[in-house]
């Protein structure tokens, strides 16, 4: 083989490889741009979900904080009322005279149209 023909052959092969690499570079650049665009859309979705979650957490924490403060104030107020509570002083009442009760009077009525005989006096004991 001729040195010029070998050189041309190698130059042609290297040129073919460089062309293939350039084509691959262009194709891969397009694919990377597509993947990058997909990542951007997924990133935007994730950011919106995270923002929503953060806002929900902030709402819950704010509500919890308000509840804890209200319970704290109520508990402190209750404790202060129980500590400061003094029962009213006992006022002595004057002594009353004992009430004498009389025996009850029982009135017994006869039914309509019935006659009731008086009870016989108890027999005398001998």
Protein backbone atom coordinates (compact mmCIF):
# COMPACT_ATOMS: atom_id res chain seq x y z
CA UNK A 1 0.00 0.00 0.00
CA UNK A 2 0.88 3.50 -0.65
CA UNK A 3 1.62 5.92 2.18
CA UNK A 4 -0.72 8.53 0.69
CA UNK A 5 -3.53 6.06 0.31
CA UNK A 6 -3.05 4.85 3.91
CA UNK A 7 -3.08 8.40 5.13
CA UNK A 8 -6.22 9.19 3.13
CA UNK A 9 -7.87 6.02 4.40
CA UNK A 10 -7.09 6.91 8.03
CA UNK A 11 -8.15 10.53 7.47
CA UNK A 12 -11.44 9.33 5.97
CA UNK A 13 -12.07 6.97 8.89
CA UNK A 14 -11.20 9.64 11.46
CA UNK A 15 -13.44 12.09 9.57
CA UNK A 16 -16.26 9.54 9.65
CA UNK A 17 -15.78 9.02 13.40
CA UNK A 18 -15.70 12.78 14.01
CA UNK A 19 -18.87 13.19 11.97
CA UNK A 20 -20.53 10.38 13.93
CA UNK A 21 -19.42 11.97 17.21
CA UNK A 22 -20.77 15.36 16.11
CA UNK A 23 -24.08 13.76 15.14
CA UNK A 24 -24.18 11.96 18.50
CA UNK A 25 -23.35 15.20 20.30
CA UNK A 26 -26.22 16.99 18.53
CA UNK A 27 -28.66 14.16 19.23
CA UNK A 28 -27.63 13.93 22.87
CA UNK A 29 -27.88 17.71 23.27
CA UNK A 30 -31.49 17.54 22.01
CA UNK A 31 -32.24 14.66 24.38
CA UNK A 32 -30.66 16.46 27.30
CA UNK A 33 -32.76 19.54 26.55
CA UNK A 34 -35.88 17.36 26.54
CA UNK A 35 -34.93 15.75 29.84
CA UNK A 36 -34.08 19.15 31.29
CA UNK A 37 -37.51 20.45 30.28
CA UNK A 38 -39.14 17.45 31.97
CA UNK A 39 -37.13 18.08 35.12
CA UNK A 40 -38.24 21.70 35.09
CA UNK A 41 -41.92 20.72 34.95
CA UNK A 42 -41.47 18.13 37.69
CA UNK A 43 -39.53 20.68 39.75
CA UNK A 44 -42.39 23.18 39.38
CA UNK A 45 -44.90 20.54 40.49
CA UNK A 46 -42.80 19.61 43.50
CA UNK A 47 -42.39 23.26 44.46
CA UNK A 48 -46.16 23.79 44.35
CA UNK A 49 -46.79 20.70 46.49
CA UNK A 50 -44.16 21.75 49.00
CA UNK A 51 -45.58 25.28 49.15
CA UNK A 52 -49.05 23.88 49.80
CA UNK A 53 -47.72 21.56 52.52
CA UNK A 54 -45.82 24.39 54.17
CA UNK A 55 -48.91 26.60 54.21
CA UNK A 56 -50.97 23.79 55.78
CA UNK A 57 -48.30 23.19 58.42
CA UNK A 58 -48.13 26.90 59.20
CA UNK A 59 -51.92 26.98 59.65
CA UNK A 60 -51.83 24.00 62.00
CA UNK A 61 -48.96 25.43 64.02
CA UNK A 62 -50.70 28.81 64.32
CA UNK A 63 -53.91 27.13 65.46
CA UNK A 64 -52.02 24.98 67.93
CA UNK A 65 -50.23 28.05 69.28
CA UNK A 66 -53.51 29.91 69.81
CA UNK A 67 -55.02 26.86 71.54
CA UNK A 68 -52.03 26.41 73.83
CA UNK A 69 -52.08 30.10 74.79
CA UNK A 70 -55.83 29.93 75.52
CA UNK A 71 -55.41 26.80 77.65
CA UNK A 72 -52.48 28.37 79.49
CA UNK A 73 -54.41 31.54 80.29
CA UNK A 74 -57.48 29.56 81.38
CA UNK A 75 -55.40 27.26 83.59
CA UNK A 76 -53.55 30.14 85.23
CA UNK A 77 -56.82 32.00 85.79
CA UNK A 78 -58.41 28.92 87.36
CA UNK A 79 -55.42 28.34 89.61
CA UNK A 80 -55.37 31.97 90.73
CA UNK A 81 -59.09 31.85 91.47
CA UNK A 82 -58.69 28.66 93.50
CA UNK A 83 -55.68 29.99 95.40
CA UNK A 84 -57.22 33.40 96.11
CA UNK A 85 -60.65 31.99 97.00
CA UNK A 86 -61.60 32.52 100.63
CA UNK A 87 -64.90 31.12 101.77
CA UNK A 88 -67.23 33.68 103.33
CA UNK A 89 -66.91 34.06 107.09
CA UNK A 90 -69.46 32.11 109.08
CA UNK A 91 -72.02 34.45 110.67
CA UNK A 92 -73.18 33.05 113.98
CA UNK A 93 -76.95 32.56 114.08
CA UNK A 94 -78.88 33.17 117.29
CA UNK A 95 -79.89 30.04 119.12
CA UNK A 96 -83.55 29.17 118.73
CA UNK A 97 -85.76 27.66 121.34
CA UNK A 98 -86.62 24.04 120.64
CA UNK A 99 -89.95 23.60 118.92
CA UNK A 100 -92.44 21.48 120.81
CA UNK A 101 -94.51 19.42 118.49
CA UNK A 102 -98.03 18.37 119.22
CA UNK A 103 -99.29 14.96 118.25
CA UNK A 104 -101.12 14.79 114.99
CA UNK A 105 -104.91 14.63 114.90
CA UNK A 106 -106.32 11.90 112.72
CA UNK A 107 -109.84 12.41 111.39
CA UNK A 108 -111.45 9.34 110.03
CA UNK A 109 -114.61 9.73 107.93
CA UNK A 110 -117.11 7.00 107.27
CA UNK A 111 -117.87 5.99 103.74
CA UNK A 112 -121.16 7.18 102.20
CA UNK A 113 -124.15 5.04 103.18
CA UNK A 114 -122.26 2.84 105.61
CA UNK A 115 -122.88 2.87 109.27
CA UNK A 116 -120.08 2.42 111.65
CA UNK A 117 -120.71 1.09 115.07
CA UNK A 118 -118.74 2.57 117.85
CA UNK A 119 -115.99 0.45 119.14
CA UNK A 120 -116.84 -1.53 122.22
CA UNK A 121 -115.05 -0.35 125.29
CA UNK A 122 -112.45 -2.75 126.48
CA UNK A 123 -113.69 -5.26 129.01
CA UNK A 124 -112.76 -4.58 132.56
CA UNK A 125 -110.18 -6.83 133.99
CA UNK A 126 -111.23 -8.75 137.14
